[in-house]
PDB file of N, CA and C in Angstrom:
ATOM      1  N   MET A   1      -8.756   3.134  32.340  1.00  0.00           N
ATOM      2  CA  MET A   1      -7.329   2.958  32.241  1.00  0.00           C
ATOM      3  C   MET A   1      -6.726   4.280  31.776  1.00  0.00           C
ATOM      4  N   ASN A   2      -5.490   4.516  32.165  1.00  0.00           N
ATOM      5  CA  ASN A   2      -4.841   5.740  31.719  1.00  0.00           C
ATOM      6  C   ASN A   2      -3.780   5.442  30.663  1.00  0.00           C
ATOM      7  N   TRP A   3      -3.387   6.479  29.957  1.00  0.00           N
ATOM      8  CA  TRP A   3      -2.457   6.311  28.852  1.00  0.00           C
ATOM      9  C   TRP A   3      -1.088   5.836  29.314  1.00  0.00           C
ATOM     10  N   ASP A   4      -0.660   6.176  30.517  1.00  0.00           N
ATOM     11  CA  ASP A   4       0.644   5.736  31.020  1.00  0.00           C
ATOM     12  C   ASP A   4       0.763   4.213  30.983  1.00  0.00           C
ATOM     13  N   ARG A   5      -0.323   3.530  31.273  1.00  0.00           N
ATOM     14  CA  ARG A   5      -0.313   2.066  31.243  1.00  0.00           C
ATOM     15  C   ARG A   5      -0.123   1.553  29.815  1.00  0.00           C
ATOM     16  N   VAL A   6      -0.786   2.199  28.863  1.00  0.00           N
ATOM     17  CA  VAL A   6      -0.636   1.818  27.460  1.00  0.00           C
ATOM     18  C   VAL A   6       0.805   2.041  27.027  1.00  0.00           C
ATOM     19  N   GLU A   7       1.332   3.208  27.344  1.00  0.00           N
ATOM     20  CA  GLU A   7       2.699   3.543  26.952  1.00  0.00           C
ATOM     21  C   GLU A   7       3.701   2.564  27.549  1.00  0.00           C
ATOM     22  N   GLY A   8       3.511   2.185  28.794  1.00  0.00           N
ATOM     23  CA  GLY A   8       4.421   1.278  29.472  1.00  0.00           C
ATOM     24  C   GLY A   8       4.354  -0.158  28.969  1.00  0.00           C
ATOM     25  N   ASN A   9       3.237  -0.527  28.375  1.00  0.00           N
ATOM     26  CA  ASN A   9       3.027  -1.893  27.865  1.00  0.00           C
ATOM     27  C   ASN A   9       2.705  -1.858  26.373  1.00  0.00           C
ATOM     28  N   TRP A  10       3.403  -1.035  25.660  1.00  0.00           N
ATOM     29  CA  TRP A  10       3.084  -0.765  24.266  1.00  0.00           C
ATOM     30  C   TRP A  10       2.972  -2.024  23.418  1.00  0.00           C
ATOM     31  N   LYS A  11       3.920  -2.925  23.547  1.00  0.00           N
ATOM     32  CA  LYS A  11       3.903  -4.129  22.716  1.00  0.00           C
ATOM     33  C   LYS A  11       2.632  -4.938  22.933  1.00  0.00           C
ATOM     34  N   GLN A  12       2.138  -4.963  24.149  1.00  0.00           N
ATOM     35  CA  GLN A  12       0.927  -5.720  24.442  1.00  0.00           C
ATOM     36  C   GLN A  12      -0.314  -5.066  23.836  1.00  0.00           C
ATOM     37  N   PHE A  13      -0.302  -3.750  23.717  1.00  0.00           N
ATOM     38  CA  PHE A  13      -1.489  -3.030  23.240  1.00  0.00           C
ATOM     39  C   PHE A  13      -1.522  -2.842  21.728  1.00  0.00           C
ATOM     40  N   LYS A  14      -0.413  -3.069  21.047  1.00  0.00           N
ATOM     41  CA  LYS A  14      -0.372  -2.853  19.598  1.00  0.00           C
ATOM     42  C   LYS A  14      -1.430  -3.671  18.869  1.00  0.00           C
ATOM     43  N   GLY A  15      -1.572  -4.937  19.211  1.00  0.00           N
ATOM     44  CA  GLY A  15      -2.565  -5.784  18.551  1.00  0.00           C
ATOM     45  C   GLY A  15      -3.976  -5.307  18.803  1.00  0.00           C
ATOM     46  N   ASN A  16      -4.226  -4.876  20.033  1.00  0.00           N
ATOM     47  CA  ASN A  16      -5.544  -4.366  20.389  1.00  0.00           C
ATOM     48  C   ASN A  16      -5.868  -3.116  19.580  1.00  0.00           C
ATOM     49  N   LEU A  17      -4.865  -2.275  19.386  1.00  0.00           N
ATOM     50  CA  LEU A  17      -5.067  -1.064  18.598  1.00  0.00           C
ATOM     51  C   LEU A  17      -5.364  -1.399  17.138  1.00  0.00           C
ATOM     52  N   GLN A  18      -4.685  -2.396  16.606  1.00  0.00           N
ATOM     53  CA  GLN A  18      -4.936  -2.778  15.223  1.00  0.00           C
ATOM     54  C   GLN A  18      -6.325  -3.383  15.054  1.00  0.00           C
ATOM     55  N   GLN A  19      -6.819  -4.054  16.079  1.00  0.00           N
ATOM     56  CA  GLN A  19      -8.197  -4.560  16.013  1.00  0.00           C
ATOM     57  C   GLN A  19      -9.188  -3.408  16.008  1.00  0.00           C
ATOM     58  N   GLN A  20      -8.916  -2.400  16.803  1.00  0.00           N
ATOM     59  CA  GLN A  20      -9.807  -1.237  16.893  1.00  0.00           C
ATOM     60  C   GLN A  20      -9.745  -0.395  15.623  1.00  0.00           C
ATOM     61  N   TRP A  21      -8.547  -0.145  15.132  1.00  0.00           N
ATOM     62  CA  TRP A  21      -8.339   0.705  13.963  1.00  0.00           C
ATOM     63  C   TRP A  21      -7.540  -0.074  12.926  1.00  0.00           C
ATOM     64  N   GLY A  22      -8.246  -0.842  12.118  1.00  0.00           N
ATOM     65  CA  GLY A  22      -7.626  -1.738  11.155  1.00  0.00           C
ATOM     66  C   GLY A  22      -6.804  -1.075  10.071  1.00  0.00           C
ATOM     67  N   LYS A  23      -7.007   0.203   9.850  1.00  0.00           N
ATOM     68  CA  LYS A  23      -6.229   0.902   8.826  1.00  0.00           C
ATOM     69  C   LYS A  23      -4.816   1.242   9.294  1.00  0.00           C
ATOM     70  N   LEU A  24      -4.564   1.113  10.591  1.00  0.00           N
ATOM     71  CA  LEU A  24      -3.219   1.395  11.102  1.00  0.00           C
ATOM     72  C   LEU A  24      -2.308   0.215  10.774  1.00  0.00           C
ATOM     73  N   THR A  25      -1.180   0.513  10.193  1.00  0.00           N
ATOM     74  CA  THR A  25      -0.222  -0.530   9.824  1.00  0.00           C
ATOM     75  C   THR A  25       0.774  -0.752  10.960  1.00  0.00           C
ATOM     76  N   ASN A  26       1.543  -1.817  10.853  1.00  0.00           N
ATOM     77  CA  ASN A  26       2.628  -2.046  11.819  1.00  0.00           C
ATOM     78  C   ASN A  26       3.603  -0.887  11.805  1.00  0.00           C
ATOM     79  N   ASP A  27       3.882  -0.361  10.620  1.00  0.00           N
ATOM     80  CA  ASP A  27       4.779   0.791  10.521  1.00  0.00           C
ATOM     81  C   ASP A  27       4.207   2.004  11.251  1.00  0.00           C
ATOM     82  N   ASP A  28       2.890   2.225  11.104  1.00  0.00           N
ATOM     83  CA  ASP A  28       2.244   3.325  11.829  1.00  0.00           C
ATOM     84  C   ASP A  28       2.459   3.163  13.328  1.00  0.00           C
ATOM     85  N   LEU A  29       2.222   1.951  13.817  1.00  0.00           N
ATOM     86  CA  LEU A  29       2.324   1.706  15.255  1.00  0.00           C
ATOM     87  C   LEU A  29       3.776   1.770  15.730  1.00  0.00           C
ATOM     88  N   ASP A  30       4.713   1.426  14.862  1.00  0.00           N
ATOM     89  CA  ASP A  30       6.130   1.591  15.216  1.00  0.00           C
ATOM     90  C   ASP A  30       6.480   3.065  15.368  1.00  0.00           C
ATOM     91  N   VAL A  31       5.881   3.912  14.544  1.00  0.00           N
ATOM     92  CA  VAL A  31       6.106   5.354  14.646  1.00  0.00           C
ATOM     93  C   VAL A  31       5.474   5.887  15.931  1.00  0.00           C
ATOM     94  N   VAL A  32       4.284   5.410  16.245  1.00  0.00           N
ATOM     95  CA  VAL A  32       3.562   5.880  17.432  1.00  0.00           C
ATOM     96  C   VAL A  32       4.349   5.577  18.710  1.00  0.00           C
ATOM     97  N   GLN A  33       4.848   4.340  18.838  1.00  0.00           N
ATOM     98  CA  GLN A  33       5.659   3.914  19.988  1.00  0.00           C
ATOM     99  C   GLN A  33       5.088   4.355  21.333  1.00  0.00           C
ATOM    100  N   GLY A  34       3.768   4.272  21.463  1.00  0.00           N
ATOM    101  CA  GLY A  34       3.140   4.563  22.748  1.00  0.00           C
ATOM    102  C   GLY A  34       2.842   6.034  22.995  1.00  0.00           C
ATOM    103  N   LYS A  35       3.094   6.887  22.035  1.00  0.00           N
ATOM    104  CA  LYS A  35       2.833   8.321  22.222  1.00  0.00           C
ATOM    105  C   LYS A  35       1.419   8.641  21.747  1.00  0.00           C
ATOM    106  N   ARG A  36       0.618   9.135  22.656  1.00  0.00           N
ATOM    107  CA  ARG A  36      -0.784   9.410  22.353  1.00  0.00           C
ATOM    108  C   ARG A  36      -0.940  10.432  21.231  1.00  0.00           C
ATOM    109  N   THR A  37      -0.140  11.483  21.241  1.00  0.00           N
ATOM    110  CA  THR A  37      -0.272  12.503  20.202  1.00  0.00           C
ATOM    111  C   THR A  37       0.056  11.927  18.826  1.00  0.00           C
ATOM    112  N   GLU A  38       1.015  11.011  18.775  1.00  0.00           N
ATOM    113  CA  GLU A  38       1.348  10.364  17.507  1.00  0.00           C
ATOM    114  C   GLU A  38       0.201   9.476  17.039  1.00  0.00           C
ATOM    115  N   LEU A  39      -0.436   8.772  17.972  1.00  0.00           N
ATOM    116  CA  LEU A  39      -1.581   7.935  17.621  1.00  0.00           C
ATOM    117  C   LEU A  39      -2.708   8.800  17.067  1.00  0.00           C
ATOM    118  N   ALA A  40      -2.989   9.907  17.729  1.00  0.00           N
ATOM    119  CA  ALA A  40      -4.042  10.805  17.247  1.00  0.00           C
ATOM    120  C   ALA A  40      -3.721  11.299  15.835  1.00  0.00           C
ATOM    121  N   GLY A  41      -2.468  11.609  15.589  1.00  0.00           N
ATOM    122  CA  GLY A  41      -2.061  12.056  14.260  1.00  0.00           C
ATOM    123  C   GLY A  41      -2.255  10.976  13.209  1.00  0.00           C
ATOM    124  N   LYS A  42      -1.921   9.737  13.549  1.00  0.00           N
ATOM    125  CA  LYS A  42      -2.100   8.629  12.610  1.00  0.00           C
ATOM    126  C   LYS A  42      -3.577   8.368  12.341  1.00  0.00           C
ATOM    127  N   LEU A  43      -4.415   8.516  13.370  1.00  0.00           N
ATOM    128  CA  LEU A  43      -5.856   8.349  13.165  1.00  0.00           C
ATOM    129  C   LEU A  43      -6.390   9.437  12.235  1.00  0.00           C
ATOM    130  N   GLN A  44      -5.905  10.655  12.420  1.00  0.00           N
ATOM    131  CA  GLN A  44      -6.312  11.747  11.535  1.00  0.00           C
ATOM    132  C   GLN A  44      -5.918  11.438  10.099  1.00  0.00           C
ATOM    133  N   GLU A  45      -4.702  10.968   9.934  1.00  0.00           N
ATOM    134  CA  GLU A  45      -4.164  10.680   8.609  1.00  0.00           C
ATOM    135  C   GLU A  45      -4.902   9.522   7.927  1.00  0.00           C
ATOM    136  N   ARG A  46      -5.067   8.408   8.635  1.00  0.00           N
ATOM    137  CA  ARG A  46      -5.650   7.208   8.033  1.00  0.00           C
ATOM    138  C   ARG A  46      -7.167   7.274   7.884  1.00  0.00           C
ATOM    139  N   TYR A  47      -7.839   7.952   8.818  1.00  0.00           N
ATOM    140  CA  TYR A  47      -9.298   7.955   8.817  1.00  0.00           C
ATOM    141  C   TYR A  47      -9.907   9.293   8.412  1.00  0.00           C
ATOM    142  N   GLY A  48      -9.074  10.303   8.235  1.00  0.00           N
ATOM    143  CA  GLY A  48      -9.586  11.604   7.804  1.00  0.00           C
ATOM    144  C   GLY A  48     -10.467  12.285   8.832  1.00  0.00           C
ATOM    145  N   VAL A  49     -10.156  12.088  10.102  1.00  0.00           N
ATOM    146  CA  VAL A  49     -10.944  12.719  11.167  1.00  0.00           C
ATOM    147  C   VAL A  49     -10.171  13.905  11.744  1.00  0.00           C
ATOM    148  N   ALA A  50     -10.906  14.801  12.382  1.00  0.00           N
ATOM    149  CA  ALA A  50     -10.293  15.953  13.040  1.00  0.00           C
ATOM    150  C   ALA A  50      -9.585  15.507  14.313  1.00  0.00           C
ATOM    151  N   LYS A  51      -8.707  16.353  14.801  1.00  0.00           N
ATOM    152  CA  LYS A  51      -7.945  16.038  16.011  1.00  0.00           C
ATOM    153  C   LYS A  51      -8.876  15.736  17.187  1.00  0.00           C
ATOM    154  N   ASP A  52      -9.914  16.552  17.354  1.00  0.00           N
ATOM    155  CA  ASP A  52     -10.854  16.336  18.465  1.00  0.00           C
ATOM    156  C   ASP A  52     -11.532  14.972  18.369  1.00  0.00           C
ATOM    157  N   GLU A  53     -11.887  14.566  17.152  1.00  0.00           N
ATOM    158  CA  GLU A  53     -12.524  13.259  16.960  1.00  0.00           C
ATOM    159  C   GLU A  53     -11.533  12.131  17.242  1.00  0.00           C
ATOM    160  N   ALA A  54     -10.303  12.288  16.814  1.00  0.00           N
ATOM    161  CA  ALA A  54      -9.282  11.272  17.085  1.00  0.00           C
ATOM    162  C   ALA A  54      -9.084  11.121  18.593  1.00  0.00           C
ATOM    163  N   GLU A  55      -9.012  12.230  19.304  1.00  0.00           N
ATOM    164  CA  GLU A  55      -8.854  12.188  20.766  1.00  0.00           C
ATOM    165  C   GLU A  55     -10.062  11.528  21.424  1.00  0.00           C
ATOM    166  N   ARG A  56     -11.257  11.805  20.921  1.00  0.00           N
ATOM    167  CA  ARG A  56     -12.475  11.198  21.472  1.00  0.00           C
ATOM    168  C   ARG A  56     -12.446   9.687  21.277  1.00  0.00           C
ATOM    169  N   GLN A  57     -12.026   9.259  20.089  1.00  0.00           N
ATOM    170  CA  GLN A  57     -11.952   7.825  19.822  1.00  0.00           C
ATOM    171  C   GLN A  57     -10.933   7.145  20.728  1.00  0.00           C
ATOM    172  N   ILE A  58      -9.813   7.798  20.961  1.00  0.00           N
ATOM    173  CA  ILE A  58      -8.797   7.234  21.865  1.00  0.00           C
ATOM    174  C   ILE A  58      -9.370   7.125  23.272  1.00  0.00           C
ATOM    175  N   ASP A  59     -10.063   8.167  23.730  1.00  0.00           N
ATOM    176  CA  ASP A  59     -10.676   8.132  25.068  1.00  0.00           C
ATOM    177  C   ASP A  59     -11.682   6.987  25.184  1.00  0.00           C
ATOM    178  N   GLU A  60     -12.501   6.796  24.146  1.00  0.00           N
ATOM    179  CA  GLU A  60     -13.465   5.691  24.161  1.00  0.00           C
ATOM    180  C   GLU A  60     -12.759   4.340  24.201  1.00  0.00           C
ATOM    181  N   TRP A  61     -11.690   4.199  23.428  1.00  0.00           N
ATOM    182  CA  TRP A  61     -10.925   2.965  23.428  1.00  0.00           C
ATOM    183  C   TRP A  61     -10.339   2.695  24.814  1.00  0.00           C
ATOM    184  N   LEU A  62      -9.819   3.738  25.456  1.00  0.00           N
ATOM    185  CA  LEU A  62      -9.242   3.574  26.795  1.00  0.00           C
ATOM    186  C   LEU A  62     -10.297   3.111  27.793  1.00  0.00           C
ATOM    187  N   LYS A  63     -11.513   3.619  27.677  1.00  0.00           N
ATOM    188  CA  LYS A  63     -12.593   3.221  28.587  1.00  0.00           C
ATOM    189  C   LYS A  63     -12.926   1.734  28.419  1.00  0.00           C
ATOM    190  N   LYS A  64     -12.851   1.226  27.176  1.00  0.00           N
ATOM    191  CA  LYS A  64     -13.198  -0.163  26.902  1.00  0.00           C
ATOM    192  C   LYS A  64     -12.062  -1.129  27.237  1.00  0.00           C
ATOM    193  N   THR A  65     -10.839  -0.643  27.276  1.00  0.00           N
ATOM    194  CA  THR A  65      -9.674  -1.492  27.456  1.00  0.00           C
ATOM    195  C   THR A  65      -9.342  -1.626  28.946  1.00  0.00           C
ATOM    196  N   HIS A  66      -9.160  -2.836  29.356  1.00  0.00           N
ATOM    197  CA  HIS A  66      -8.830  -3.082  30.779  1.00  0.00           C
ATOM    198  C   HIS A  66      -7.494  -3.726  30.890  1.00  0.00           C
TER     199      HIS A  66
END
C-alpha cells in the first residue's frame, strides 16, 4: 500500500496506527493528520528512535496494512 491511500483515509487508519504504536495519543494523531513526515517525527519523539528507524517502521507497517 502507498502513503497516499493512508492520507486519503486518515480517519480509518488512526485506530490501526494506535494499535501498532500504542504510545501515540489521539492528540499526536490529530497533529499528524495523515502526513508521513509528522508521523515519523512523533515516532522519534515517543519512542526515542532515529529518523531512519522511524521511516523503516512506517514502511514495515505499510507492507502489513491492506
